Amino acid sequence: MQSSALYSMTLQSLVGLRNEMVTSDWIDAVNALPNPNDQIRAQATAFKVEHAIQVLSNAALSDIADQMVAQQAAITAATTELKDSLGDLTKLTNILDDVTQVLTVVGQIVSLA
């Protein structure tokens, strides 16, 4: 897959995730988490997703093309797993783990610090 297609796929996955994270179903699922630390983690993860979108959107593809290609397998696996897990918000902590994996891969392409 070309770096531009990987870039588009990754950014589209992050934007789709952000859109999901502001739905009433997502908010209800976060509020239903029994552990307050998991609720905080979910809220913090939403900010991390937004930050990743901004950083990736502002990156010049020519500057990150090699990293995109090098991380192709990881990007594809992480975004596919995330897409699959989003179907069941009752497993929100698992979804947050999948989001963290996507953000970890994105962090290997662009600095999210």
PDB file of N, CA and C in Angstrom:
ATOM      1  N   MET A   1       0.855  -1.179   0.000  1.00  0.00           N
ATOM      2  CA  MET A   1       0.000   0.000   0.000  1.00  0.00           C
ATOM      3  C   MET A   1       0.899   1.241   0.000  1.00  0.00           C
ATOM      4  N   GLN A   2       0.527   2.228  -0.747  1.00  0.00           N
ATOM      5  CA  GLN A   2       1.312   3.456  -0.817  1.00  0.00           C
ATOM      6  C   GLN A   2       1.143   4.272   0.460  1.00  0.00           C
ATOM      7  N   SER A   3       2.146   5.091   0.730  1.00  0.00           N
ATOM      8  CA  SER A   3       2.119   5.896   1.956  1.00  0.00           C
ATOM      9  C   SER A   3       0.908   6.822   2.000  1.00  0.00           C
ATOM     10  N   SER A   4       0.490   7.342   0.862  1.00  0.00           N
ATOM     11  CA  SER A   4      -0.671   8.240   0.862  1.00  0.00           C
ATOM     12  C   SER A   4      -1.946   7.493   1.249  1.00  0.00           C
ATOM     13  N   ALA A   5      -2.078   6.255   0.806  1.00  0.00           N
ATOM     14  CA  ALA A   5      -3.246   5.453   1.176  1.00  0.00           C
ATOM     15  C   ALA A   5      -3.206   5.090   2.657  1.00  0.00           C
ATOM     16  N   LEU A   6      -2.026   4.774   3.174  1.00  0.00           N
ATOM     17  CA  LEU A   6      -1.879   4.484   4.604  1.00  0.00           C
ATOM     18  C   LEU A   6      -2.215   5.709   5.440  1.00  0.00           C
ATOM     19  N   TYR A   7      -1.734   6.847   4.985  1.00  0.00           N
ATOM     20  CA  TYR A   7      -2.009   8.106   5.681  1.00  0.00           C
ATOM     21  C   TYR A   7      -3.515   8.357   5.735  1.00  0.00           C
ATOM     22  N   SER A   8      -4.174   8.224   4.585  1.00  0.00           N
ATOM     23  CA  SER A   8      -5.621   8.452   4.523  1.00  0.00           C
ATOM     24  C   SER A   8      -6.382   7.464   5.394  1.00  0.00           C
ATOM     25  N   MET A   9      -5.993   6.192   5.349  1.00  0.00           N
ATOM     26  CA  MET A   9      -6.658   5.170   6.143  1.00  0.00           C
ATOM     27  C   MET A   9      -6.506   5.456   7.639  1.00  0.00           C
ATOM     28  N   THR A  10      -5.301   5.827   8.041  1.00  0.00           N
ATOM     29  CA  THR A  10      -5.042   6.097   9.455  1.00  0.00           C
ATOM     30  C   THR A  10      -5.817   7.317   9.920  1.00  0.00           C
ATOM     31  N   LEU A  11      -5.758   8.372   9.157  1.00  0.00           N
ATOM     32  CA  LEU A  11      -6.471   9.594   9.523  1.00  0.00           C
ATOM     33  C   LEU A  11      -7.983   9.359   9.532  1.00  0.00           C
ATOM     34  N   GLN A  12      -8.480   8.638   8.558  1.00  0.00           N
ATOM     35  CA  GLN A  12      -9.909   8.329   8.501  1.00  0.00           C
ATOM     36  C   GLN A  12     -10.331   7.499   9.717  1.00  0.00           C
ATOM     37  N   SER A  13      -9.506   6.558  10.124  1.00  0.00           N
ATOM     38  CA  SER A  13      -9.817   5.746  11.310  1.00  0.00           C
ATOM     39  C   SER A  13      -9.874   6.606  12.559  1.00  0.00           C
ATOM     40  N   LEU A  14      -8.917   7.520  12.696  1.00  0.00           N
ATOM     41  CA  LEU A  14      -8.891   8.394  13.870  1.00  0.00           C
ATOM     42  C   LEU A  14     -10.088   9.341  13.887  1.00  0.00           C
ATOM     43  N   VAL A  15     -10.424   9.901  12.749  1.00  0.00           N
ATOM     44  CA  VAL A  15     -11.572  10.817  12.681  1.00  0.00           C
ATOM     45  C   VAL A  15     -12.869  10.053  12.963  1.00  0.00           C
ATOM     46  N   GLY A  16     -12.995   8.860  12.411  1.00  0.00           N
ATOM     47  CA  GLY A  16     -14.170   8.043  12.693  1.00  0.00           C
ATOM     48  C   GLY A  16     -14.281   7.706  14.169  1.00  0.00           C
ATOM     49  N   LEU A  17     -13.143   7.421  14.776  1.00  0.00           N
ATOM     50  CA  LEU A  17     -13.120   7.142  16.210  1.00  0.00           C
ATOM     51  C   LEU A  17     -13.542   8.367  17.008  1.00  0.00           C
ATOM     52  N   ARG A  18     -12.998   9.515  16.650  1.00  0.00           N
ATOM     53  CA  ARG A  18     -13.375  10.750  17.347  1.00  0.00           C
ATOM     54  C   ARG A  18     -14.877  10.993  17.229  1.00  0.00           C
ATOM     55  N   ASN A  19     -15.417  10.779  16.052  1.00  0.00           N
ATOM     56  CA  ASN A  19     -16.856  10.963  15.856  1.00  0.00           C
ATOM     57  C   ASN A  19     -17.658  10.001  16.729  1.00  0.00           C
ATOM     58  N   GLU A  20     -17.170   8.781  16.876  1.00  0.00           N
ATOM     59  CA  GLU A  20     -17.834   7.799  17.740  1.00  0.00           C
ATOM     60  C   GLU A  20     -17.758   8.230  19.203  1.00  0.00           C
ATOM     61  N   MET A  21     -16.632   8.825  19.582  1.00  0.00           N
ATOM     62  CA  MET A  21     -16.401   9.176  20.986  1.00  0.00           C
ATOM     63  C   MET A  21     -17.248  10.356  21.464  1.00  0.00           C
ATOM     64  N   VAL A  22     -17.964  11.002  20.578  1.00  0.00           N
ATOM     65  CA  VAL A  22     -18.835  12.110  20.995  1.00  0.00           C
ATOM     66  C   VAL A  22     -20.315  11.753  20.868  1.00  0.00           C
ATOM     67  N   THR A  23     -20.599  10.491  20.562  1.00  0.00           N
ATOM     68  CA  THR A  23     -21.997  10.075  20.470  1.00  0.00           C
ATOM     69  C   THR A  23     -22.570   9.835  21.861  1.00  0.00           C
ATOM     70  N   SER A  24     -23.868   9.900  21.950  1.00  0.00           N
ATOM     71  CA  SER A  24     -24.516   9.650  23.241  1.00  0.00           C
ATOM     72  C   SER A  24     -24.309   8.202  23.688  1.00  0.00           C
ATOM     73  N   ASP A  25     -24.235   7.271  22.748  1.00  0.00           N
ATOM     74  CA  ASP A  25     -23.985   5.875  23.118  1.00  0.00           C
ATOM     75  C   ASP A  25     -22.616   5.714  23.776  1.00  0.00           C
ATOM     76  N   TRP A  26     -21.605   6.385  23.215  1.00  0.00           N
ATOM     77  CA  TRP A  26     -20.257   6.316  23.790  1.00  0.00           C
ATOM     78  C   TRP A  26     -20.253   6.949  25.181  1.00  0.00           C
ATOM     79  N   ILE A  27     -20.837   8.115  25.286  1.00  0.00           N
ATOM     80  CA  ILE A  27     -20.860   8.819  26.574  1.00  0.00           C
ATOM     81  C   ILE A  27     -21.596   7.989  27.620  1.00  0.00           C
ATOM     82  N   ASP A  28     -22.696   7.370  27.232  1.00  0.00           N
ATOM     83  CA  ASP A  28     -23.422   6.491  28.155  1.00  0.00           C
ATOM     84  C   ASP A  28     -22.557   5.303  28.576  1.00  0.00           C
ATOM     85  N   ALA A  29     -21.811   4.741  27.628  1.00  0.00           N
ATOM     86  CA  ALA A  29     -20.939   3.602  27.942  1.00  0.00           C
ATOM     87  C   ALA A  29     -19.827   4.016  28.899  1.00  0.00           C
ATOM     88  N   VAL A  30     -19.272   5.204  28.694  1.00  0.00           N
ATOM     89  CA  VAL A  30     -18.233   5.711  29.604  1.00  0.00           C
ATOM     90  C   VAL A  30     -18.820   5.920  30.989  1.00  0.00           C
ATOM     91  N   ASN A  31     -19.980   6.543  31.053  1.00  0.00           N
ATOM     92  CA  ASN A  31     -20.617   6.797  32.350  1.00  0.00           C
ATOM     93  C   ASN A  31     -21.009   5.510  33.062  1.00  0.00           C
ATOM     94  N   ALA A  32     -21.228   4.442  32.309  1.00  0.00           N
ATOM     95  CA  ALA A  32     -21.615   3.162  32.902  1.00  0.00           C
ATOM     96  C   ALA A  32     -20.427   2.350  33.412  1.00  0.00           C
ATOM     97  N   LEU A  33     -19.218   2.789  33.084  1.00  0.00           N
ATOM     98  CA  LEU A  33     -18.048   2.061  33.575  1.00  0.00           C
ATOM     99  C   LEU A  33     -18.031   2.104  35.101  1.00  0.00           C
ATOM    100  N   PRO A  34     -17.886   0.954  35.755  1.00  0.00           N
ATOM    101  CA  PRO A  34     -17.949   0.930  37.216  1.00  0.00           C
ATOM    102  C   PRO A  34     -16.721   1.538  37.895  1.00  0.00           C
ATOM    103  N   ASN A  35     -15.598   1.517  37.221  1.00  0.00           N
ATOM    104  CA  ASN A  35     -14.359   2.024  37.804  1.00  0.00           C
ATOM    105  C   ASN A  35     -14.139   3.473  37.360  1.00  0.00           C
ATOM    106  N   PRO A  36     -14.092   4.413  38.304  1.00  0.00           N
ATOM    107  CA  PRO A  36     -13.872   5.817  37.935  1.00  0.00           C
ATOM    108  C   PRO A  36     -12.565   6.036  37.173  1.00  0.00           C
ATOM    109  N   ASN A  37     -11.557   5.223  37.448  1.00  0.00           N
ATOM    110  CA  ASN A  37     -10.292   5.359  36.722  1.00  0.00           C
ATOM    111  C   ASN A  37     -10.468   5.029  35.243  1.00  0.00           C
ATOM    112  N   ASP A  38     -11.343   4.076  34.941  1.00  0.00           N
ATOM    113  CA  ASP A  38     -11.626   3.757  33.540  1.00  0.00           C
ATOM    114  C   ASP A  38     -12.381   4.897  32.859  1.00  0.00           C
ATOM    115  N   GLN A  39     -13.254   5.566  33.601  1.00  0.00           N
ATOM    116  CA  GLN A  39     -13.964   6.723  33.053  1.00  0.00           C
ATOM    117  C   GLN A  39     -12.975   7.838  32.721  1.00  0.00           C
ATOM    118  N   ILE A  40     -12.043   8.074  33.628  1.00  0.00           N
ATOM    119  CA  ILE A  40     -11.018   9.098  33.393  1.00  0.00           C
ATOM    120  C   ILE A  40     -10.148   8.704  32.208  1.00  0.00           C
ATOM    121  N   ARG A  41      -9.786   7.427  32.144  1.00  0.00           N
ATOM    122  CA  ARG A  41      -8.971   6.938  31.027  1.00  0.00           C
ATOM    123  C   ARG A  41      -9.695   7.157  29.699  1.00  0.00           C
ATOM    124  N   ALA A  42     -10.992   6.899  29.670  1.00  0.00           N
ATOM    125  CA  ALA A  42     -11.767   7.085  28.440  1.00  0.00           C
ATOM    126  C   ALA A  42     -11.775   8.547  28.014  1.00  0.00           C
ATOM    127  N   GLN A  43     -11.942   9.435  28.972  1.00  0.00           N
ATOM    128  CA  GLN A  43     -11.950  10.863  28.657  1.00  0.00           C
ATOM    129  C   GLN A  43     -10.573  11.331  28.194  1.00  0.00           C
ATOM    130  N   ALA A  44      -9.529  10.854  28.852  1.00  0.00           N
ATOM    131  CA  ALA A  44      -8.170  11.229  28.455  1.00  0.00           C
ATOM    132  C   ALA A  44      -7.843  10.688  27.068  1.00  0.00           C
ATOM    133  N   THR A  45      -8.328   9.504  26.775  1.00  0.00           N
ATOM    134  CA  THR A  45      -8.082   8.906  25.469  1.00  0.00           C
ATOM    135  C   THR A  45      -8.723   9.731  24.359  1.00  0.00           C
ATOM    136  N   ALA A  46      -9.882  10.292  24.623  1.00  0.00           N
ATOM    137  CA  ALA A  46     -10.533  11.147  23.623  1.00  0.00           C
ATOM    138  C   ALA A  46      -9.653  12.347  23.286  1.00  0.00           C
ATOM    139  N   PHE A  47      -9.024  12.933  24.294  1.00  0.00           N
ATOM    140  CA  PHE A  47      -8.121  14.056  24.043  1.00  0.00           C
ATOM    141  C   PHE A  47      -6.894  13.601  23.260  1.00  0.00           C
ATOM    142  N   LYS A  48      -6.392  12.415  23.562  1.00  0.00           N
ATOM    143  CA  LYS A  48      -5.229  11.888  22.845  1.00  0.00           C
ATOM    144  C   LYS A  48      -5.559  11.629  21.379  1.00  0.00           C
ATOM    145  N   VAL A  49      -6.755  11.142  21.128  1.00  0.00           N
ATOM    146  CA  VAL A  49      -7.181  10.907  19.742  1.00  0.00           C
ATOM    147  C   VAL A  49      -7.240  12.233  18.987  1.00  0.00           C
ATOM    148  N   GLU A  50      -7.824  13.237  19.591  1.00  0.00           N
ATOM    149  CA  GLU A  50      -7.899  14.557  18.948  1.00  0.00           C
ATOM    150  C   GLU A  50      -6.502  15.101  18.672  1.00  0.00           C
ATOM    151  N   HIS A  51      -5.607  14.940  19.634  1.00  0.00           N
ATOM    152  CA  HIS A  51      -4.227  15.411  19.452  1.00  0.00           C
ATOM    153  C   HIS A  51      -3.556  14.670  18.291  1.00  0.00           C
ATOM    154  N   ALA A  52      -3.751  13.359  18.227  1.00  0.00           N
ATOM    155  CA  ALA A  52      -3.157  12.574  17.145  1.00  0.00           C
ATOM    156  C   ALA A  52      -3.687  13.020  15.787  1.00  0.00           C
ATOM    157  N   ILE A  53      -4.969  13.320  15.715  1.00  0.00           N
ATOM    158  CA  ILE A  53      -5.555  13.813  14.463  1.00  0.00           C
ATOM    159  C   ILE A  53      -4.888  15.123  14.058  1.00  0.00           C
ATOM    160  N   GLN A  54      -4.743  16.033  14.995  1.00  0.00           N
ATOM    161  CA  GLN A  54      -4.140  17.332  14.691  1.00  0.00           C
ATOM    162  C   GLN A  54      -2.691  17.181  14.233  1.00  0.00           C
ATOM    163  N   VAL A  55      -1.914  16.374  14.953  1.00  0.00           N
ATOM    164  CA  VAL A  55      -0.499  16.205  14.608  1.00  0.00           C
ATOM    165  C   VAL A  55      -0.361  15.526  13.251  1.00  0.00           C
ATOM    166  N   LEU A  56      -1.115  14.458  13.040  1.00  0.00           N
ATOM    167  CA  LEU A  56      -1.026  13.743  11.767  1.00  0.00           C
ATOM    168  C   LEU A  56      -1.516  14.616  10.613  1.00  0.00           C
ATOM    169  N   SER A  57      -2.561  15.386  10.835  1.00  0.00           N
ATOM    170  CA  SER A  57      -3.085  16.278   9.792  1.00  0.00           C
ATOM    171  C   SER A  57      -2.084  17.353   9.407  1.00  0.00           C
ATOM    172  N   ASN A  58      -1.311  17.797  10.372  1.00  0.00           N
ATOM    173  CA  ASN A  58      -0.346  18.864  10.118  1.00  0.00           C
ATOM    174  C   ASN A  58       0.996  18.355   9.596  1.00  0.00           C
ATOM    175  N   ALA A  59       1.199  17.052   9.615  1.00  0.00           N
ATOM    176  CA  ALA A  59       2.464  16.493   9.139  1.00  0.00           C
ATOM    177  C   ALA A  59       2.483  16.481   7.611  1.00  0.00           C
ATOM    178  N   ALA A  60       3.628  16.797   7.061  1.00  0.00           N
ATOM    179  CA  ALA A  60       3.799  16.717   5.611  1.00  0.00           C
ATOM    180  C   ALA A  60       4.028  15.252   5.243  1.00  0.00           C
ATOM    181  N   LEU A  61       3.231  14.746   4.320  1.00  0.00           N
ATOM    182  CA  LEU A  61       3.341  13.343   3.939  1.00  0.00           C
ATOM    183  C   LEU A  61       4.757  13.003   3.488  1.00  0.00           C
ATOM    184  N   SER A  62       5.405  13.924   2.819  1.00  0.00           N
ATOM    185  CA  SER A  62       6.772  13.656   2.359  1.00  0.00           C
ATOM    186  C   SER A  62       7.725  13.433   3.533  1.00  0.00           C
ATOM    187  N   ASP A  63       7.414  14.022   4.687  1.00  0.00           N
ATOM    188  CA  ASP A  63       8.266  13.858   5.869  1.00  0.00           C
ATOM    189  C   ASP A  63       8.019  12.544   6.598  1.00  0.00           C
ATOM    190  N   ILE A  64       6.837  11.967   6.435  1.00  0.00           N
ATOM    191  CA  ILE A  64       6.502  10.760   7.197  1.00  0.00           C
ATOM    192  C   ILE A  64       6.257   9.538   6.319  1.00  0.00           C
ATOM    193  N   ALA A  65       6.452   9.674   5.017  1.00  0.00           N
ATOM    194  CA  ALA A  65       6.139   8.576   4.085  1.00  0.00           C
ATOM    195  C   ALA A  65       6.895   7.303   4.436  1.00  0.00           C
ATOM    196  N   ASP A  66       8.180   7.414   4.719  1.00  0.00           N
ATOM    197  CA  ASP A  66       8.966   6.220   5.033  1.00  0.00           C
ATOM    198  C   ASP A  66       8.474   5.539   6.306  1.00  0.00           C
ATOM    199  N   GLN A  67       8.141   6.347   7.320  1.00  0.00           N
ATOM    200  CA  GLN A  67       7.639   5.776   8.569  1.00  0.00           C
ATOM    201  C   GLN A  67       6.274   5.117   8.356  1.00  0.00           C
ATOM    202  N   MET A  68       5.445   5.717   7.512  1.00  0.00           N
ATOM    203  CA  MET A  68       4.133   5.143   7.216  1.00  0.00           C
ATOM    204  C   MET A  68       4.301   3.752   6.598  1.00  0.00           C
ATOM    205  N   VAL A  69       5.182   3.648   5.624  1.00  0.00           N
ATOM    206  CA  VAL A  69       5.399   2.367   4.956  1.00  0.00           C
ATOM    207  C   VAL A  69       6.006   1.360   5.932  1.00  0.00           C
ATOM    208  N   ALA A  70       6.953   1.813   6.749  1.00  0.00           N
ATOM    209  CA  ALA A  70       7.585   0.915   7.718  1.00  0.00           C
ATOM    210  C   ALA A  70       6.582   0.376   8.733  1.00  0.00           C
ATOM    211  N   GLN A  71       5.566   1.151   9.033  1.00  0.00           N
ATOM    212  CA  GLN A  71       4.560   0.754  10.028  1.00  0.00           C
ATOM    213  C   GLN A  71       3.284   0.204   9.395  1.00  0.00           C
ATOM    214  N   GLN A  72       3.336  -0.113   8.106  1.00  0.00           N
ATOM    215  CA  GLN A  72       2.134  -0.543   7.390  1.00  0.00           C
ATOM    216  C   GLN A  72       1.423  -1.699   8.079  1.00  0.00           C
ATOM    217  N   ALA A  73       2.139  -2.749   8.426  1.00  0.00           N
ATOM    218  CA  ALA A  73       1.497  -3.918   9.045  1.00  0.00           C
ATOM    219  C   ALA A  73       0.870  -3.548  10.381  1.00  0.00           C
ATOM    220  N   ALA A  74       1.589  -2.770  11.173  1.00  0.00           N
ATOM    221  CA  ALA A  74       1.077  -2.379  12.490  1.00  0.00           C
ATOM    222  C   ALA A  74      -0.134  -1.463  12.366  1.00  0.00           C
ATOM    223  N   ILE A  75      -0.075  -0.525  11.431  1.00  0.00           N
ATOM    224  CA  ILE A  75      -1.202   0.392  11.219  1.00  0.00           C
ATOM    225  C   ILE A  75      -2.443  -0.390  10.792  1.00  0.00           C
ATOM    226  N   THR A  76      -2.260  -1.256   9.821  1.00  0.00           N
ATOM    227  CA  THR A  76      -3.385  -2.027   9.300  1.00  0.00           C
ATOM    228  C   THR A  76      -3.991  -2.913  10.383  1.00  0.00           C
ATOM    229  N   ALA A  77      -3.145  -3.601  11.124  1.00  0.00           N
ATOM    230  CA  ALA A  77      -3.644  -4.492  12.183  1.00  0.00           C
ATOM    231  C   ALA A  77      -4.366  -3.709  13.271  1.00  0.00           C
ATOM    232  N   ALA A  78      -3.765  -2.618  13.713  1.00  0.00           N
ATOM    233  CA  ALA A  78      -4.348  -1.844  14.814  1.00  0.00           C
ATOM    234  C   ALA A  78      -5.669  -1.196  14.414  1.00  0.00           C
ATOM    235  N   THR A  79      -5.725  -0.618  13.225  1.00  0.00           N
ATOM    236  CA  THR A  79      -6.970   0.038  12.815  1.00  0.00           C
ATOM    237  C   THR A  79      -8.072  -0.980  12.528  1.00  0.00           C
ATOM    238  N   THR A  80      -7.710  -2.139  12.000  1.00  0.00           N
ATOM    239  CA  THR A  80      -8.704  -3.191  11.760  1.00  0.00           C
ATOM    240  C   THR A  80      -9.264  -3.708  13.079  1.00  0.00           C
ATOM    241  N   GLU A  81      -8.387  -3.956  14.043  1.00  0.00           N
ATOM    242  CA  GLU A  81      -8.837  -4.440  15.345  1.00  0.00           C
ATOM    243  C   GLU A  81      -9.736  -3.415  16.028  1.00  0.00           C
ATOM    244  N   LEU A  82      -9.365  -2.151  15.914  1.00  0.00           N
ATOM    245  CA  LEU A  82     -10.185  -1.096  16.505  1.00  0.00           C
ATOM    246  C   LEU A  82     -11.565  -1.056  15.849  1.00  0.00           C
ATOM    247  N   LYS A  83     -11.592  -1.101  14.541  1.00  0.00           N
ATOM    248  CA  LYS A  83     -12.878  -1.065  13.826  1.00  0.00           C
ATOM    249  C   LYS A  83     -13.767  -2.225  14.255  1.00  0.00           C
ATOM    250  N   ASP A  84     -13.177  -3.392  14.394  1.00  0.00           N
ATOM    251  CA  ASP A  84     -13.943  -4.571  14.810  1.00  0.00           C
ATOM    252  C   ASP A  84     -14.476  -4.425  16.234  1.00  0.00           C
ATOM    253  N   SER A  85     -13.682  -3.853  17.118  1.00  0.00           N
ATOM    254  CA  SER A  85     -14.091  -3.767  18.523  1.00  0.00           C
ATOM    255  C   SER A  85     -15.118  -2.670  18.771  1.00  0.00           C
ATOM    256  N   LEU A  86     -15.186  -1.667  17.917  1.00  0.00           N
ATOM    257  CA  LEU A  86     -16.129  -0.565  18.127  1.00  0.00           C
ATOM    258  C   LEU A  86     -17.588  -1.000  18.056  1.00  0.00           C
ATOM    259  N   GLY A  87     -17.839  -2.175  17.549  1.00  0.00           N
ATOM    260  CA  GLY A  87     -19.209  -2.649  17.427  1.00  0.00           C
ATOM    261  C   GLY A  87     -19.874  -3.011  18.741  1.00  0.00           C
ATOM    262  N   ASP A  88     -19.090  -3.141  19.812  1.00  0.00           N
ATOM    263  CA  ASP A  88     -19.651  -3.563  21.096  1.00  0.00           C
ATOM    264  C   ASP A  88     -19.163  -2.639  22.204  1.00  0.00           C
ATOM    265  N   LEU A  89     -19.915  -1.576  22.443  1.00  0.00           N
ATOM    266  CA  LEU A  89     -19.512  -0.592  23.449  1.00  0.00           C
ATOM    267  C   LEU A  89     -19.582  -1.128  24.870  1.00  0.00           C
ATOM    268  N   THR A  90     -20.156  -2.316  25.060  1.00  0.00           N
ATOM    269  CA  THR A  90     -20.160  -2.890  26.407  1.00  0.00           C
ATOM    270  C   THR A  90     -18.759  -3.349  26.805  1.00  0.00           C
ATOM    271  N   LYS A  91     -17.880  -3.441  25.833  1.00  0.00           N
ATOM    272  CA  LYS A  91     -16.490  -3.828  26.091  1.00  0.00           C
ATOM    273  C   LYS A  91     -15.585  -2.609  25.923  1.00  0.00           C
ATOM    274  N   LEU A  92     -15.974  -1.531  26.555  1.00  0.00           N
ATOM    275  CA  LEU A  92     -15.293  -0.252  26.357  1.00  0.00           C
ATOM    276  C   LEU A  92     -13.830  -0.299  26.777  1.00  0.00           C
ATOM    277  N   THR A  93     -13.507  -1.005  27.846  1.00  0.00           N
ATOM    278  CA  THR A  93     -12.103  -1.056  28.258  1.00  0.00           C
ATOM    279  C   THR A  93     -11.259  -1.763  27.202  1.00  0.00           C
ATOM    280  N   ASN A  94     -11.814  -2.759  26.521  1.00  0.00           N
ATOM    281  CA  ASN A  94     -11.091  -3.403  25.418  1.00  0.00           C
ATOM    282  C   ASN A  94     -10.913  -2.434  24.254  1.00  0.00           C
ATOM    283  N   ILE A  95     -11.932  -1.648  23.983  1.00  0.00           N
ATOM    284  CA  ILE A  95     -11.844  -0.647  22.920  1.00  0.00           C
ATOM    285  C   ILE A  95     -10.748   0.360  23.249  1.00  0.00           C
ATOM    286  N   LEU A  96     -10.686   0.785  24.503  1.00  0.00           N
ATOM    287  CA  LEU A  96      -9.649   1.741  24.906  1.00  0.00           C
ATOM    288  C   LEU A  96      -8.259   1.147  24.714  1.00  0.00           C
ATOM    289  N   ASP A  97      -8.108  -0.146  24.971  1.00  0.00           N
ATOM    290  CA  ASP A  97      -6.826  -0.810  24.713  1.00  0.00           C
ATOM    291  C   ASP A  97      -6.493  -0.768  23.226  1.00  0.00           C
ATOM    292  N   ASP A  98      -7.495  -0.998  22.382  1.00  0.00           N
ATOM    293  CA  ASP A  98      -7.280  -0.948  20.933  1.00  0.00           C
ATOM    294  C   ASP A  98      -6.943   0.470  20.471  1.00  0.00           C
ATOM    295  N   VAL A  99      -7.590   1.460  21.065  1.00  0.00           N
ATOM    296  CA  VAL A  99      -7.283   2.858  20.740  1.00  0.00           C
ATOM    297  C   VAL A  99      -5.839   3.159  21.117  1.00  0.00           C
ATOM    298  N   THR A 100      -5.431   2.703  22.285  1.00  0.00           N
ATOM    299  CA  THR A 100      -4.054   2.920  22.734  1.00  0.00           C
ATOM    300  C   THR A 100      -3.067   2.305  21.756  1.00  0.00           C
ATOM    301  N   GLN A 101      -3.391   1.135  21.228  1.00  0.00           N
ATOM    302  CA  GLN A 101      -2.512   0.492  20.253  1.00  0.00           C
ATOM    303  C   GLN A 101      -2.404   1.333  18.979  1.00  0.00           C
ATOM    304  N   VAL A 102      -3.514   1.851  18.499  1.00  0.00           N
ATOM    305  CA  VAL A 102      -3.482   2.715  17.310  1.00  0.00           C
ATOM    306  C   VAL A 102      -2.639   3.953  17.591  1.00  0.00           C
ATOM    307  N   LEU A 103      -2.840   4.567  18.750  1.00  0.00           N
ATOM    308  CA  LEU A 103      -2.079   5.771  19.097  1.00  0.00           C
ATOM    309  C   LEU A 103      -0.590   5.465  19.243  1.00  0.00           C
ATOM    310  N   THR A 104      -0.262   4.281  19.729  1.00  0.00           N
ATOM    311  CA  THR A 104       1.142   3.883  19.845  1.00  0.00           C
ATOM    312  C   THR A 104       1.788   3.805  18.468  1.00  0.00           C
ATOM    313  N   VAL A 105       1.084   3.217  17.517  1.00  0.00           N
ATOM    314  CA  VAL A 105       1.618   3.117  16.154  1.00  0.00           C
ATOM    315  C   VAL A 105       1.738   4.508  15.533  1.00  0.00           C
ATOM    316  N   VAL A 106       0.726   5.332  15.699  1.00  0.00           N
ATOM    317  CA  VAL A 106       0.789   6.700  15.165  1.00  0.00           C
ATOM    318  C   VAL A 106       1.962   7.444  15.801  1.00  0.00           C
ATOM    319  N   GLY A 107       2.198   7.206  17.087  1.00  0.00           N
ATOM    320  CA  GLY A 107       3.313   7.844  17.781  1.00  0.00           C
ATOM    321  C   GLY A 107       4.674   7.403  17.270  1.00  0.00           C
ATOM    322  N   GLN A 108       4.730   6.278  16.585  1.00  0.00           N
ATOM    323  CA  GLN A 108       5.978   5.842  15.963  1.00  0.00           C
ATOM    324  C   GLN A 108       6.187   6.506  14.609  1.00  0.00           C
ATOM    325  N   ILE A 109       5.150   7.141  14.110  1.00  0.00           N
ATOM    326  CA  ILE A 109       5.226   7.832  12.820  1.00  0.00           C
ATOM    327  C   ILE A 109       5.437   9.327  13.023  1.00  0.00           C
ATOM    328  N   VAL A 110       4.661   9.905  13.926  1.00  0.00           N
ATOM    329  CA  VAL A 110       4.792  11.328  14.263  1.00  0.00           C
ATOM    330  C   VAL A 110       4.888  11.445  15.776  1.00  0.00           C
ATOM    331  N   SER A 111       5.566  12.450  16.241  1.00  0.00           N
ATOM    332  CA  SER A 111       5.707  12.652  17.684  1.00  0.00           C
ATOM    333  C   SER A 111       4.391  13.158  18.268  1.00  0.00           C
ATOM    334  N   LEU A 112       3.883  12.423  19.256  1.00  0.00           N
ATOM    335  CA  LEU A 112       2.649  12.831  19.921  1.00  0.00           C
ATOM    336  C   LEU A 112       2.939  13.427  21.293  1.00  0.00           C
ATOM    337  N   ALA A 113       4.188  13.714  21.551  1.00  0.00           N
ATOM    338  CA  ALA A 113       4.574  14.273  22.857  1.00  0.00           C
ATOM    339  C   ALA A 113       4.162  15.713  22.990  1.00  0.00           C
TER     340      ALA A 113
END
